[in-house]
Amino acid sequence: MTTSLPTVELGPLGLDGGAHVLVKLALSELRPGDALVVRGTHPELAPHLAVWCRSQGHRWLQDTATTSGAPPDAAGIIERGRSAG
């Protein structure tokens, strides 16, 4: 039995449009070490999330998105860090 990962759908939102608020809210429901799939179409979403994750104490796993159960159109996966942000 395959368990699907929790997912946040951002559509065209970028971090400059408030996507980080939705990501932060979704991460707040997870425990440290849990993963969150991020989906969105903003062209700069992946690089911006990589920087945001580093600054918030989370781990950005874009390269593993296609091999770890995430849908093929996922921007990447965030592994929740110990911080609440």
N, C-alpha and C. Protein backbone atom coordinates (compact mmCIF):
# COMPACT_ATOMS: atom_id res chain seq x y z
N MET A 1 0.84 -1.18 0.00
CA MET A 1 0.00 0.00 0.00
C MET A 1 0.89 1.25 0.00
N THR A 2 0.64 2.16 -0.93
CA THR A 2 1.41 3.38 -1.05
C THR A 2 0.72 4.52 -0.31
N THR A 3 1.48 5.23 0.48
CA THR A 3 0.95 6.38 1.18
C THR A 3 1.33 7.63 0.42
N SER A 4 0.34 8.46 0.10
CA SER A 4 0.67 9.69 -0.61
C SER A 4 1.12 10.76 0.39
N LEU A 5 2.03 11.59 -0.08
CA LEU A 5 2.55 12.65 0.76
C LEU A 5 1.59 13.83 0.79
N PRO A 6 1.54 14.56 1.90
CA PRO A 6 0.71 15.77 1.92
C PRO A 6 1.22 16.74 0.86
N THR A 7 0.29 17.48 0.26
CA THR A 7 0.62 18.35 -0.86
C THR A 7 0.01 19.73 -0.65
N VAL A 8 0.76 20.75 -1.01
CA VAL A 8 0.23 22.11 -1.05
C VAL A 8 0.23 22.56 -2.51
N GLU A 9 -0.92 23.03 -2.95
CA GLU A 9 -1.11 23.48 -4.33
C GLU A 9 -1.02 25.01 -4.35
N LEU A 10 -0.03 25.55 -5.06
CA LEU A 10 0.17 26.99 -5.08
C LEU A 10 -0.31 27.65 -6.36
N GLY A 11 -0.63 26.86 -7.38
CA GLY A 11 -1.05 27.45 -8.65
C GLY A 11 0.02 28.40 -9.16
N PRO A 12 -0.38 29.59 -9.62
CA PRO A 12 0.59 30.54 -10.18
C PRO A 12 1.30 31.40 -9.13
N LEU A 13 0.99 31.21 -7.85
CA LEU A 13 1.60 32.04 -6.81
C LEU A 13 3.09 31.80 -6.67
N GLY A 14 3.82 32.87 -6.53
CA GLY A 14 5.24 32.79 -6.18
C GLY A 14 5.39 33.25 -4.75
N LEU A 15 6.59 33.17 -4.23
CA LEU A 15 6.81 33.63 -2.87
C LEU A 15 6.54 35.12 -2.74
N ASP A 16 6.76 35.87 -3.81
CA ASP A 16 6.46 37.30 -3.80
C ASP A 16 4.97 37.59 -3.76
N GLY A 17 4.15 36.57 -4.01
CA GLY A 17 2.70 36.72 -3.99
C GLY A 17 2.04 36.05 -2.80
N GLY A 18 2.83 35.58 -1.85
CA GLY A 18 2.27 35.00 -0.63
C GLY A 18 2.32 33.49 -0.54
N ALA A 19 2.96 32.82 -1.49
CA ALA A 19 3.01 31.36 -1.46
C ALA A 19 3.67 30.84 -0.19
N HIS A 20 4.64 31.58 0.33
CA HIS A 20 5.33 31.14 1.54
C HIS A 20 4.37 31.02 2.74
N VAL A 21 3.31 31.81 2.75
CA VAL A 21 2.33 31.73 3.84
C VAL A 21 1.60 30.39 3.77
N LEU A 22 1.22 29.97 2.57
CA LEU A 22 0.54 28.69 2.40
C LEU A 22 1.46 27.52 2.72
N VAL A 23 2.72 27.63 2.32
CA VAL A 23 3.69 26.58 2.61
C VAL A 23 3.92 26.48 4.12
N LYS A 24 4.08 27.62 4.76
CA LYS A 24 4.30 27.65 6.21
C LYS A 24 3.12 27.04 6.96
N LEU A 25 1.91 27.36 6.53
CA LEU A 25 0.71 26.80 7.14
C LEU A 25 0.67 25.28 6.97
N ALA A 26 0.98 24.80 5.77
CA ALA A 26 0.98 23.35 5.52
C ALA A 26 2.05 22.65 6.35
N LEU A 27 3.22 23.27 6.47
CA LEU A 27 4.31 22.66 7.26
C LEU A 27 3.98 22.63 8.75
N SER A 28 3.19 23.58 9.20
CA SER A 28 2.86 23.64 10.63
C SER A 28 2.06 22.42 11.08
N GLU A 29 1.44 21.73 10.15
CA GLU A 29 0.65 20.54 10.46
C GLU A 29 1.48 19.27 10.46
N LEU A 30 2.77 19.39 10.12
CA LEU A 30 3.65 18.23 10.04
C LEU A 30 4.64 18.21 11.20
N ARG A 31 5.21 17.05 11.43
CA ARG A 31 6.26 16.91 12.44
C ARG A 31 7.62 17.09 11.77
N PRO A 32 8.64 17.48 12.54
CA PRO A 32 9.98 17.56 11.97
C PRO A 32 10.37 16.23 11.30
N GLY A 33 10.92 16.34 10.10
CA GLY A 33 11.31 15.16 9.34
C GLY A 33 10.25 14.71 8.35
N ASP A 34 9.00 15.16 8.52
CA ASP A 34 7.95 14.82 7.57
C ASP A 34 8.14 15.61 6.27
N ALA A 35 7.58 15.08 5.19
CA ALA A 35 7.75 15.70 3.88
C ALA A 35 6.45 16.31 3.37
N LEU A 36 6.59 17.38 2.62
CA LEU A 36 5.46 18.08 2.00
C LEU A 36 5.78 18.28 0.52
N VAL A 37 4.88 17.83 -0.34
CA VAL A 37 5.03 18.06 -1.78
C VAL A 37 4.50 19.46 -2.09
N VAL A 38 5.25 20.20 -2.88
CA VAL A 38 4.83 21.54 -3.30
C VAL A 38 4.60 21.52 -4.80
N ARG A 39 3.40 21.94 -5.19
CA ARG A 39 3.06 22.02 -6.61
C ARG A 39 2.70 23.45 -6.94
N GLY A 40 3.17 23.92 -8.09
CA GLY A 40 2.87 25.27 -8.53
C GLY A 40 3.47 25.53 -9.88
N THR A 41 3.01 26.59 -10.52
CA THR A 41 3.44 26.89 -11.88
C THR A 41 4.28 28.15 -12.00
N HIS A 42 4.52 28.85 -10.91
CA HIS A 42 5.34 30.07 -10.98
C HIS A 42 6.73 29.69 -11.47
N PRO A 43 7.28 30.41 -12.46
CA PRO A 43 8.56 30.01 -13.04
C PRO A 43 9.75 30.05 -12.08
N GLU A 44 9.69 30.83 -11.04
CA GLU A 44 10.80 30.93 -10.09
C GLU A 44 10.50 30.22 -8.77
N LEU A 45 9.46 29.40 -8.73
CA LEU A 45 9.04 28.77 -7.48
C LEU A 45 10.13 27.90 -6.87
N ALA A 46 10.71 27.01 -7.63
CA ALA A 46 11.71 26.08 -7.08
C ALA A 46 12.93 26.79 -6.51
N PRO A 47 13.57 27.70 -7.26
CA PRO A 47 14.75 28.36 -6.67
C PRO A 47 14.40 29.23 -5.46
N HIS A 48 13.24 29.89 -5.51
CA HIS A 48 12.84 30.71 -4.37
C HIS A 48 12.55 29.85 -3.14
N LEU A 49 11.91 28.71 -3.34
CA LEU A 49 11.64 27.81 -2.21
C LEU A 49 12.93 27.24 -1.63
N ALA A 50 13.90 26.98 -2.47
CA ALA A 50 15.18 26.46 -1.98
C ALA A 50 15.81 27.45 -1.00
N VAL A 51 15.80 28.72 -1.35
CA VAL A 51 16.37 29.75 -0.48
C VAL A 51 15.51 29.92 0.77
N TRP A 52 14.20 29.95 0.60
CA TRP A 52 13.29 30.11 1.73
C TRP A 52 13.46 28.96 2.73
N CYS A 53 13.54 27.74 2.22
CA CYS A 53 13.72 26.58 3.11
C CYS A 53 15.00 26.70 3.92
N ARG A 54 16.08 27.07 3.27
CA ARG A 54 17.36 27.24 3.98
C ARG A 54 17.22 28.28 5.08
N SER A 55 16.55 29.38 4.79
CA SER A 55 16.43 30.46 5.77
C SER A 55 15.50 30.09 6.92
N GLN A 56 14.60 29.13 6.70
CA GLN A 56 13.63 28.74 7.71
C GLN A 56 14.00 27.45 8.44
N GLY A 57 15.10 26.84 8.05
CA GLY A 57 15.55 25.62 8.72
C GLY A 57 14.94 24.33 8.19
N HIS A 58 14.41 24.38 6.97
CA HIS A 58 13.84 23.20 6.33
C HIS A 58 14.80 22.71 5.25
N ARG A 59 14.51 21.56 4.69
CA ARG A 59 15.36 20.99 3.65
C ARG A 59 14.58 20.91 2.34
N TRP A 60 15.14 21.46 1.28
CA TRP A 60 14.51 21.45 -0.05
C TRP A 60 15.04 20.26 -0.83
N LEU A 61 14.13 19.42 -1.30
CA LEU A 61 14.51 18.19 -1.97
C LEU A 61 14.00 18.17 -3.41
N GLN A 62 14.27 19.20 -4.15
CA GLN A 62 13.76 19.27 -5.52
C GLN A 62 14.24 18.10 -6.36
N ASP A 63 15.49 17.73 -6.24
CA ASP A 63 16.04 16.67 -7.09
C ASP A 63 15.40 15.31 -6.84
N THR A 64 14.82 15.11 -5.66
CA THR A 64 14.23 13.81 -5.35
C THR A 64 12.73 13.77 -5.61
N ALA A 65 12.16 14.85 -6.09
CA ALA A 65 10.71 14.91 -6.26
C ALA A 65 10.18 13.81 -7.18
N THR A 66 10.90 13.48 -8.23
CA THR A 66 10.40 12.49 -9.17
C THR A 66 10.63 11.06 -8.71
N THR A 67 11.45 10.85 -7.70
CA THR A 67 11.75 9.49 -7.29
C THR A 67 11.21 9.14 -5.91
N SER A 68 10.48 10.04 -5.29
CA SER A 68 10.06 9.77 -3.91
C SER A 68 8.56 9.82 -3.71
N GLY A 69 7.80 9.54 -4.74
CA GLY A 69 6.36 9.47 -4.59
C GLY A 69 5.63 10.77 -4.88
N ALA A 70 6.35 11.80 -5.25
CA ALA A 70 5.71 13.07 -5.59
C ALA A 70 5.20 12.99 -7.03
N PRO A 71 4.12 13.73 -7.32
CA PRO A 71 3.65 13.75 -8.71
C PRO A 71 4.70 14.36 -9.63
N PRO A 72 4.68 14.00 -10.91
CA PRO A 72 5.72 14.48 -11.84
C PRO A 72 5.72 15.99 -12.02
N ASP A 73 4.60 16.66 -11.75
CA ASP A 73 4.56 18.12 -11.92
C ASP A 73 4.87 18.87 -10.63
N ALA A 74 5.36 18.17 -9.63
CA ALA A 74 5.71 18.83 -8.36
C ALA A 74 6.94 19.71 -8.55
N ALA A 75 6.92 20.89 -7.91
CA ALA A 75 8.10 21.76 -7.92
C ALA A 75 9.20 21.12 -7.09
N GLY A 76 8.82 20.38 -6.07
CA GLY A 76 9.78 19.72 -5.20
C GLY A 76 9.13 19.28 -3.91
N ILE A 77 9.97 18.84 -2.99
CA ILE A 77 9.52 18.36 -1.70
C ILE A 77 10.28 19.11 -0.62
N ILE A 78 9.57 19.50 0.42
CA ILE A 78 10.19 20.13 1.57
C ILE A 78 10.16 19.14 2.71
N GLU A 79 11.31 18.92 3.33
CA GLU A 79 11.37 18.13 4.55
C GLU A 79 11.36 19.12 5.71
N ARG A 80 10.35 19.00 6.56
CA ARG A 80 10.19 19.97 7.65
C ARG A 80 11.35 19.88 8.62
N GLY A 81 11.90 21.01 8.96
CA GLY A 81 12.95 21.09 9.95
C GLY A 81 12.36 21.24 11.34
N ARG A 82 13.20 21.51 12.30
CA ARG A 82 12.74 21.67 13.68
C ARG A 82 12.06 22.98 13.94
N SER A 83 12.30 23.97 13.08
CA SER A 83 11.69 25.28 13.30
C SER A 83 10.20 25.22 13.01
N ALA A 84 9.47 26.14 13.56
CA ALA A 84 8.02 26.20 13.32
C ALA A 84 7.71 26.93 12.02
N GLY A 85 8.69 27.58 11.42
CA GLY A 85 8.44 28.39 10.23
C GLY A 85 8.62 27.68 8.95
